[in-house]
Amino acid sequence: MAEYHIRRITVRNKLNAPLTNVKVVYGQSKKETSLLSYAVDWRSVDIETGYLILGKTEVRLPDVPIDGETGDDCDIRFFDGLRGYWQVYFEKDNRRFKINKNNAQVNPWPQDDGKYVEITIRHEGNFIRLDFVMDSGNAYFYAIDYC
């Protein structure tokens, strides 16, 4: 199994207030990305507790101003053929937010090696949406506030 690396995380803020205490967490599971695996491997993964996660990388980012972005160089290691899971934490208007599930899946692929992940946080109606963009594709998730 080949090893690859994501080299930068960028977060863009399209909300109406600055974002503070931004943290991006990535981990790969023991679950494979093969079509057969999706059909037969129904085990639940939890990026927060680390259940079925091989290893986690946490990247803390500087505050993000309104209509601004921040980023940081990092070394997120991933292996081809394994599923990737993400969690993003941030504060806005003294409220804490995170992705609304603990198994938000965006798999990096070999074409993401040496590249970056862009995460844009925006409003969608009354919801907060997090858009992930990598060279290999994109995905989005919604945020919830939590204690």
N, C-alpha and C. Protein backbone atom coordinates (compact mmCIF):
# COMPACT_ATOMS: atom_id res chain seq x y z
N MET A 1 0.85 -1.18 0.00
CA MET A 1 0.00 0.00 0.00
C MET A 1 0.90 1.24 0.00
N ALA A 2 0.74 2.10 -0.98
CA ALA A 2 1.59 3.29 -1.12
C ALA A 2 1.19 4.38 -0.13
N GLU A 3 2.21 5.09 0.36
CA GLU A 3 1.99 6.20 1.29
C GLU A 3 2.07 7.53 0.55
N TYR A 4 1.14 8.43 0.89
CA TYR A 4 1.08 9.75 0.27
C TYR A 4 0.91 10.81 1.36
N HIS A 5 0.95 12.10 0.96
CA HIS A 5 0.87 13.18 1.95
C HIS A 5 0.09 14.36 1.41
N ILE A 6 -0.80 14.89 2.23
CA ILE A 6 -1.43 16.19 1.97
C ILE A 6 -0.53 17.21 2.66
N ARG A 7 -0.21 18.30 1.97
CA ARG A 7 0.79 19.24 2.47
C ARG A 7 0.23 20.55 3.01
N ARG A 8 -1.05 20.83 2.78
CA ARG A 8 -1.60 22.10 3.26
C ARG A 8 -3.10 21.99 3.46
N ILE A 9 -3.59 22.67 4.49
CA ILE A 9 -5.02 22.82 4.75
C ILE A 9 -5.33 24.32 4.66
N THR A 10 -6.36 24.67 3.90
CA THR A 10 -6.82 26.05 3.83
C THR A 10 -8.30 26.08 4.21
N VAL A 11 -8.67 27.03 5.07
CA VAL A 11 -10.07 27.22 5.46
C VAL A 11 -10.49 28.62 5.05
N ARG A 12 -11.62 28.70 4.33
CA ARG A 12 -12.20 29.98 3.91
C ARG A 12 -13.48 30.22 4.70
N ASN A 13 -13.67 31.47 5.10
CA ASN A 13 -14.83 31.85 5.90
C ASN A 13 -15.77 32.71 5.07
N LYS A 14 -16.94 32.16 4.76
CA LYS A 14 -17.98 32.91 4.05
C LYS A 14 -19.17 33.21 4.96
N LEU A 15 -18.95 33.13 6.27
CA LEU A 15 -20.01 33.43 7.24
C LEU A 15 -19.97 34.91 7.61
N ASN A 16 -20.86 35.31 8.49
CA ASN A 16 -20.97 36.73 8.86
C ASN A 16 -20.25 37.08 10.14
N ALA A 17 -19.32 36.25 10.56
CA ALA A 17 -18.54 36.51 11.78
C ALA A 17 -17.21 35.78 11.66
N PRO A 18 -16.19 36.26 12.37
CA PRO A 18 -14.90 35.58 12.34
C PRO A 18 -15.00 34.17 12.94
N LEU A 19 -14.10 33.30 12.52
CA LEU A 19 -14.01 31.95 13.06
C LEU A 19 -12.77 31.86 13.93
N THR A 20 -12.93 31.27 15.11
CA THR A 20 -11.80 31.11 16.03
C THR A 20 -11.66 29.64 16.40
N ASN A 21 -10.53 29.30 17.01
CA ASN A 21 -10.26 27.94 17.49
C ASN A 21 -10.56 26.89 16.43
N VAL A 22 -10.05 27.11 15.24
CA VAL A 22 -10.29 26.20 14.11
C VAL A 22 -9.33 25.02 14.21
N LYS A 23 -9.91 23.83 14.13
CA LYS A 23 -9.11 22.60 14.15
C LYS A 23 -9.67 21.63 13.12
N VAL A 24 -8.79 21.08 12.30
CA VAL A 24 -9.16 20.08 11.30
C VAL A 24 -8.52 18.76 11.71
N VAL A 25 -9.33 17.70 11.74
CA VAL A 25 -8.85 16.38 12.14
C VAL A 25 -9.06 15.42 10.97
N TYR A 26 -8.02 14.63 10.67
CA TYR A 26 -8.11 13.62 9.61
C TYR A 26 -7.63 12.29 10.15
N GLY A 27 -8.29 11.23 9.71
CA GLY A 27 -7.84 9.88 10.04
C GLY A 27 -8.29 8.90 8.97
N GLN A 28 -7.52 7.85 8.81
CA GLN A 28 -7.91 6.79 7.88
C GLN A 28 -8.36 5.59 8.67
N SER A 29 -9.34 4.90 8.12
CA SER A 29 -9.86 3.72 8.80
C SER A 29 -9.18 2.47 8.24
N LYS A 30 -9.50 1.36 8.86
CA LYS A 30 -9.04 0.06 8.39
C LYS A 30 -9.91 -0.43 7.24
N LYS A 31 -10.93 0.34 6.90
CA LYS A 31 -11.86 -0.05 5.85
C LYS A 31 -11.31 0.36 4.48
N GLU A 32 -11.45 -0.51 3.51
CA GLU A 32 -10.91 -0.26 2.17
C GLU A 32 -11.90 0.53 1.31
N THR A 33 -11.38 1.06 0.21
CA THR A 33 -12.21 1.84 -0.71
C THR A 33 -12.74 1.01 -1.87
N SER A 34 -12.50 -0.29 -1.87
CA SER A 34 -12.96 -1.14 -2.97
C SER A 34 -14.49 -1.22 -2.97
N LEU A 35 -15.06 -1.45 -4.15
CA LEU A 35 -16.52 -1.58 -4.25
C LEU A 35 -17.04 -2.71 -3.39
N LEU A 36 -16.34 -3.81 -3.33
CA LEU A 36 -16.77 -4.94 -2.51
C LEU A 36 -16.80 -4.54 -1.03
N SER A 37 -15.81 -3.78 -0.60
CA SER A 37 -15.76 -3.35 0.79
C SER A 37 -16.98 -2.50 1.15
N TYR A 38 -17.39 -1.60 0.25
CA TYR A 38 -18.58 -0.79 0.52
C TYR A 38 -19.83 -1.65 0.63
N ALA A 39 -19.85 -2.75 -0.09
CA ALA A 39 -21.03 -3.63 -0.09
C ALA A 39 -21.10 -4.50 1.16
N VAL A 40 -19.96 -4.89 1.72
CA VAL A 40 -19.99 -5.87 2.81
C VAL A 40 -19.46 -5.37 4.15
N ASP A 41 -18.72 -4.26 4.18
CA ASP A 41 -18.13 -3.77 5.43
C ASP A 41 -18.97 -2.64 5.99
N TRP A 42 -19.87 -2.98 6.89
CA TRP A 42 -20.81 -2.02 7.46
C TRP A 42 -20.39 -1.55 8.85
N ARG A 43 -19.14 -1.81 9.23
CA ARG A 43 -18.68 -1.36 10.55
C ARG A 43 -18.73 0.16 10.62
N SER A 44 -19.07 0.67 11.80
CA SER A 44 -19.15 2.11 12.01
C SER A 44 -17.78 2.65 12.42
N VAL A 45 -17.44 3.81 11.92
CA VAL A 45 -16.18 4.48 12.20
C VAL A 45 -16.49 5.77 12.97
N ASP A 46 -15.61 6.13 13.90
CA ASP A 46 -15.81 7.37 14.66
C ASP A 46 -14.48 8.12 14.75
N ILE A 47 -14.39 9.23 14.03
CA ILE A 47 -13.15 10.00 14.00
C ILE A 47 -12.87 10.66 15.35
N GLU A 48 -13.91 10.99 16.13
CA GLU A 48 -13.68 11.64 17.42
C GLU A 48 -13.11 10.68 18.46
N THR A 49 -13.66 9.48 18.55
CA THR A 49 -13.17 8.52 19.54
C THR A 49 -11.99 7.72 19.01
N GLY A 50 -11.82 7.71 17.69
CA GLY A 50 -10.74 6.93 17.09
C GLY A 50 -11.13 5.49 16.80
N TYR A 51 -12.41 5.16 16.95
CA TYR A 51 -12.84 3.78 16.71
C TYR A 51 -12.65 3.41 15.24
N LEU A 52 -11.88 2.35 15.00
CA LEU A 52 -11.52 1.83 13.68
C LEU A 52 -10.66 2.82 12.87
N ILE A 53 -10.04 3.78 13.55
CA ILE A 53 -9.15 4.74 12.89
C ILE A 53 -7.71 4.31 13.14
N LEU A 54 -6.91 4.26 12.08
CA LEU A 54 -5.52 3.84 12.19
C LEU A 54 -4.63 4.90 12.83
N GLY A 55 -4.93 6.14 12.60
CA GLY A 55 -4.15 7.24 13.16
C GLY A 55 -4.81 8.55 12.81
N LYS A 56 -4.69 9.53 13.70
CA LYS A 56 -5.31 10.83 13.46
C LYS A 56 -4.24 11.90 13.36
N THR A 57 -4.52 12.89 12.52
CA THR A 57 -3.70 14.08 12.43
C THR A 57 -4.59 15.27 12.72
N GLU A 58 -4.15 16.14 13.64
CA GLU A 58 -4.90 17.35 13.97
C GLU A 58 -4.10 18.56 13.51
N VAL A 59 -4.78 19.48 12.83
CA VAL A 59 -4.15 20.71 12.36
C VAL A 59 -4.93 21.87 12.95
N ARG A 60 -4.27 22.66 13.78
CA ARG A 60 -4.88 23.87 14.35
C ARG A 60 -4.52 25.05 13.45
N LEU A 61 -5.52 25.87 13.17
CA LEU A 61 -5.33 26.98 12.24
C LEU A 61 -5.56 28.32 12.94
N PRO A 62 -4.93 29.37 12.44
CA PRO A 62 -5.20 30.71 12.98
C PRO A 62 -6.66 31.11 12.74
N ASP A 63 -7.10 32.14 13.45
CA ASP A 63 -8.46 32.65 13.28
C ASP A 63 -8.68 33.06 11.82
N VAL A 64 -9.94 32.96 11.40
CA VAL A 64 -10.29 33.26 10.00
C VAL A 64 -11.24 34.46 9.99
N PRO A 65 -10.83 35.58 9.42
CA PRO A 65 -11.72 36.76 9.40
C PRO A 65 -12.89 36.55 8.44
N ILE A 66 -13.89 37.41 8.55
CA ILE A 66 -15.03 37.39 7.63
C ILE A 66 -14.51 37.55 6.21
N ASP A 67 -14.99 36.74 5.29
CA ASP A 67 -14.56 36.74 3.89
C ASP A 67 -13.06 36.56 3.72
N GLY A 68 -12.43 35.94 4.70
CA GLY A 68 -11.00 35.70 4.62
C GLY A 68 -10.69 34.22 4.59
N GLU A 69 -9.42 33.93 4.58
CA GLU A 69 -8.98 32.54 4.61
C GLU A 69 -7.71 32.44 5.42
N THR A 70 -7.46 31.26 5.92
CA THR A 70 -6.22 30.96 6.61
C THR A 70 -5.80 29.57 6.21
N GLY A 71 -4.54 29.31 6.34
CA GLY A 71 -4.04 27.99 5.99
C GLY A 71 -2.77 27.71 6.74
N ASP A 72 -2.38 26.46 6.68
CA ASP A 72 -1.15 26.07 7.34
C ASP A 72 -0.57 24.87 6.60
N ASP A 73 0.75 24.88 6.50
CA ASP A 73 1.42 23.72 5.95
C ASP A 73 1.31 22.60 6.97
N CYS A 74 1.20 21.39 6.49
CA CYS A 74 1.02 20.25 7.37
C CYS A 74 1.58 19.01 6.68
N ASP A 75 1.51 17.90 7.36
CA ASP A 75 1.89 16.63 6.78
C ASP A 75 0.86 15.59 7.20
N ILE A 76 -0.20 15.50 6.41
CA ILE A 76 -1.24 14.51 6.67
C ILE A 76 -0.93 13.29 5.81
N ARG A 77 -0.56 12.23 6.48
CA ARG A 77 -0.18 11.00 5.78
C ARG A 77 -1.44 10.19 5.47
N PHE A 78 -1.50 9.65 4.25
CA PHE A 78 -2.60 8.75 3.91
C PHE A 78 -2.09 7.64 3.00
N PHE A 79 -2.85 6.56 2.98
CA PHE A 79 -2.49 5.39 2.19
C PHE A 79 -3.56 5.15 1.14
N ASP A 80 -3.12 4.85 -0.05
CA ASP A 80 -4.03 4.53 -1.14
C ASP A 80 -4.86 3.30 -0.79
N GLY A 81 -6.16 3.36 -1.06
CA GLY A 81 -7.02 2.21 -0.85
C GLY A 81 -7.72 2.15 0.48
N LEU A 82 -7.49 3.13 1.36
CA LEU A 82 -8.18 3.16 2.65
C LEU A 82 -9.07 4.40 2.72
N ARG A 83 -10.19 4.29 3.41
CA ARG A 83 -11.14 5.38 3.52
C ARG A 83 -10.64 6.47 4.46
N GLY A 84 -10.92 7.74 4.11
CA GLY A 84 -10.49 8.87 4.91
C GLY A 84 -11.67 9.57 5.56
N TYR A 85 -11.50 9.95 6.83
CA TYR A 85 -12.57 10.58 7.60
C TYR A 85 -12.08 11.90 8.20
N TRP A 86 -12.98 12.87 8.29
CA TRP A 86 -12.64 14.23 8.69
C TRP A 86 -13.57 14.74 9.78
N GLN A 87 -13.05 15.64 10.60
CA GLN A 87 -13.87 16.43 11.52
C GLN A 87 -13.27 17.83 11.54
N VAL A 88 -14.12 18.83 11.59
CA VAL A 88 -13.68 20.22 11.66
C VAL A 88 -14.40 20.86 12.85
N TYR A 89 -13.62 21.50 13.70
CA TYR A 89 -14.16 22.22 14.85
C TYR A 89 -13.86 23.71 14.67
N PHE A 90 -14.79 24.56 15.09
CA PHE A 90 -14.55 26.01 15.06
C PHE A 90 -15.55 26.70 15.97
N GLU A 91 -15.23 27.95 16.31
CA GLU A 91 -16.14 28.77 17.09
C GLU A 91 -16.54 29.98 16.28
N LYS A 92 -17.82 30.36 16.42
CA LYS A 92 -18.38 31.53 15.75
C LYS A 92 -19.37 32.16 16.72
N ASP A 93 -19.22 33.45 16.98
CA ASP A 93 -20.12 34.16 17.90
C ASP A 93 -20.24 33.44 19.25
N ASN A 94 -19.11 33.00 19.79
CA ASN A 94 -19.06 32.30 21.09
C ASN A 94 -19.84 30.99 21.13
N ARG A 95 -20.10 30.40 19.97
CA ARG A 95 -20.74 29.08 19.89
C ARG A 95 -19.78 28.13 19.19
N ARG A 96 -19.76 26.90 19.66
CA ARG A 96 -18.85 25.89 19.11
C ARG A 96 -19.58 25.05 18.07
N PHE A 97 -18.92 24.79 16.96
CA PHE A 97 -19.49 24.02 15.86
C PHE A 97 -18.55 22.90 15.45
N LYS A 98 -19.15 21.87 14.84
CA LYS A 98 -18.38 20.77 14.25
C LYS A 98 -19.24 20.13 13.17
N ILE A 99 -18.64 19.29 12.34
CA ILE A 99 -19.41 18.53 11.35
C ILE A 99 -20.44 17.69 12.09
N ASN A 100 -21.63 17.56 11.50
CA ASN A 100 -22.75 16.94 12.20
C ASN A 100 -22.69 15.42 12.30
N LYS A 101 -21.58 14.82 11.91
CA LYS A 101 -21.43 13.38 12.09
C LYS A 101 -19.96 13.07 12.31
N ASN A 102 -19.69 11.92 12.92
CA ASN A 102 -18.32 11.56 13.26
C ASN A 102 -17.68 10.63 12.24
N ASN A 103 -18.32 10.51 11.09
CA ASN A 103 -17.75 9.67 10.02
C ASN A 103 -17.88 10.36 8.66
N ALA A 104 -17.58 11.66 8.64
CA ALA A 104 -17.63 12.44 7.40
C ALA A 104 -16.48 11.96 6.50
N GLN A 105 -16.84 11.33 5.41
CA GLN A 105 -15.85 10.65 4.58
C GLN A 105 -15.52 11.44 3.31
N VAL A 106 -14.23 11.75 3.15
CA VAL A 106 -13.69 12.31 1.92
C VAL A 106 -12.35 11.59 1.72
N ASN A 107 -12.31 10.70 0.76
CA ASN A 107 -11.11 9.90 0.55
C ASN A 107 -10.09 10.65 -0.29
N PRO A 108 -8.88 10.84 0.22
CA PRO A 108 -7.82 11.35 -0.65
C PRO A 108 -7.30 10.21 -1.53
N TRP A 109 -6.88 10.56 -2.72
CA TRP A 109 -6.37 9.58 -3.69
C TRP A 109 -4.95 9.97 -4.07
N PRO A 110 -4.23 9.11 -4.78
CA PRO A 110 -2.83 9.42 -5.13
C PRO A 110 -2.65 10.78 -5.81
N GLN A 111 -3.62 11.25 -6.58
CA GLN A 111 -3.47 12.55 -7.24
C GLN A 111 -3.49 13.72 -6.25
N ASP A 112 -3.82 13.45 -4.98
CA ASP A 112 -3.78 14.49 -3.95
C ASP A 112 -2.42 14.57 -3.26
N ASP A 113 -1.51 13.70 -3.62
CA ASP A 113 -0.19 13.66 -2.99
C ASP A 113 0.54 14.99 -3.19
N GLY A 114 1.03 15.54 -2.09
CA GLY A 114 1.77 16.79 -2.14
C GLY A 114 0.90 18.02 -2.33
N LYS A 115 -0.41 17.85 -2.34
CA LYS A 115 -1.33 18.95 -2.62
C LYS A 115 -1.98 19.46 -1.34
N TYR A 116 -3.14 20.07 -1.47
CA TYR A 116 -3.81 20.70 -0.35
C TYR A 116 -5.29 20.36 -0.34
N VAL A 117 -5.91 20.62 0.79
CA VAL A 117 -7.35 20.50 0.97
C VAL A 117 -7.88 21.90 1.24
N GLU A 118 -8.92 22.29 0.51
CA GLU A 118 -9.59 23.57 0.75
C GLU A 118 -10.94 23.29 1.40
N ILE A 119 -11.21 23.97 2.50
CA ILE A 119 -12.50 23.83 3.19
C ILE A 119 -13.11 25.22 3.26
N THR A 120 -14.28 25.37 2.65
CA THR A 120 -15.00 26.65 2.69
C THR A 120 -16.21 26.47 3.60
N ILE A 121 -16.34 27.37 4.57
CA ILE A 121 -17.45 27.33 5.52
C ILE A 121 -18.40 28.46 5.15
N ARG A 122 -19.66 28.10 4.85
CA ARG A 122 -20.62 29.07 4.32
C ARG A 122 -22.02 28.79 4.85
N HIS A 123 -22.90 29.73 4.63
CA HIS A 123 -24.32 29.54 4.94
C HIS A 123 -25.01 28.87 3.76
N GLU A 124 -25.93 28.00 4.08
CA GLU A 124 -26.88 27.47 3.09
C GLU A 124 -28.24 27.58 3.76
N GLY A 125 -28.94 28.65 3.47
CA GLY A 125 -30.19 28.93 4.17
C GLY A 125 -29.89 29.16 5.64
N ASN A 126 -30.55 28.40 6.52
CA ASN A 126 -30.32 28.51 7.96
C ASN A 126 -29.23 27.58 8.46
N PHE A 127 -28.57 26.89 7.56
CA PHE A 127 -27.56 25.91 7.94
C PHE A 127 -26.16 26.43 7.64
N ILE A 128 -25.17 25.84 8.31
CA ILE A 128 -23.77 26.09 8.00
C ILE A 128 -23.26 24.85 7.27
N ARG A 129 -22.66 25.08 6.11
CA ARG A 129 -22.16 23.98 5.28
C ARG A 129 -20.65 24.09 5.15
N LEU A 130 -19.98 22.95 5.17
CA LEU A 130 -18.53 22.88 4.97
C LEU A 130 -18.28 22.17 3.65
N ASP A 131 -17.68 22.88 2.71
CA ASP A 131 -17.35 22.33 1.39
C ASP A 131 -15.89 21.93 1.36
N PHE A 132 -15.62 20.67 1.05
CA PHE A 132 -14.26 20.16 0.92
C PHE A 132 -13.93 20.06 -0.56
N VAL A 133 -12.74 20.54 -0.95
CA VAL A 133 -12.29 20.43 -2.33
C VAL A 133 -10.85 19.92 -2.32
N MET A 134 -10.62 18.85 -3.08
CA MET A 134 -9.28 18.31 -3.31
C MET A 134 -9.15 18.07 -4.81
N ASP A 135 -7.96 17.84 -5.28
CA ASP A 135 -7.79 17.56 -6.71
C ASP A 135 -8.62 16.36 -7.15
N SER A 136 -8.79 15.38 -6.25
CA SER A 136 -9.51 14.15 -6.61
C SER A 136 -11.02 14.30 -6.57
N GLY A 137 -11.54 15.37 -6.00
CA GLY A 137 -12.99 15.54 -5.94
C GLY A 137 -13.40 16.42 -4.78
N ASN A 138 -14.71 16.44 -4.53
CA ASN A 138 -15.22 17.29 -3.46
C ASN A 138 -16.37 16.63 -2.74
N ALA A 139 -16.72 17.21 -1.59
CA ALA A 139 -17.84 16.73 -0.78
C ALA A 139 -18.26 17.88 0.12
N TYR A 140 -19.46 17.77 0.70
CA TYR A 140 -19.87 18.78 1.67
C TYR A 140 -20.62 18.12 2.81
N PHE A 141 -20.58 18.81 3.95
CA PHE A 141 -21.24 18.35 5.16
C PHE A 141 -21.83 19.57 5.86
N TYR A 142 -22.72 19.32 6.80
CA TYR A 142 -23.32 20.40 7.57
C TYR A 142 -22.75 20.41 8.98
N ALA A 143 -22.80 21.59 9.59
CA ALA A 143 -22.28 21.77 10.95
C ALA A 143 -23.42 21.82 11.95
N ILE A 144 -23.11 21.40 13.17
CA ILE A 144 -24.03 21.54 14.29
C ILE A 144 -23.29 22.27 15.40
N ASP A 145 -24.05 22.95 16.25
CA ASP A 145 -23.40 23.52 17.43
C ASP A 145 -23.45 22.47 18.53
N TYR A 146 -22.45 22.50 19.40
CA TYR A 146 -22.34 21.51 20.45
C TYR A 146 -21.74 22.16 21.69
N CYS A 147 -21.91 21.50 22.81
CA CYS A 147 -21.40 22.03 24.10
C CYS A 147 -19.96 21.67 24.30
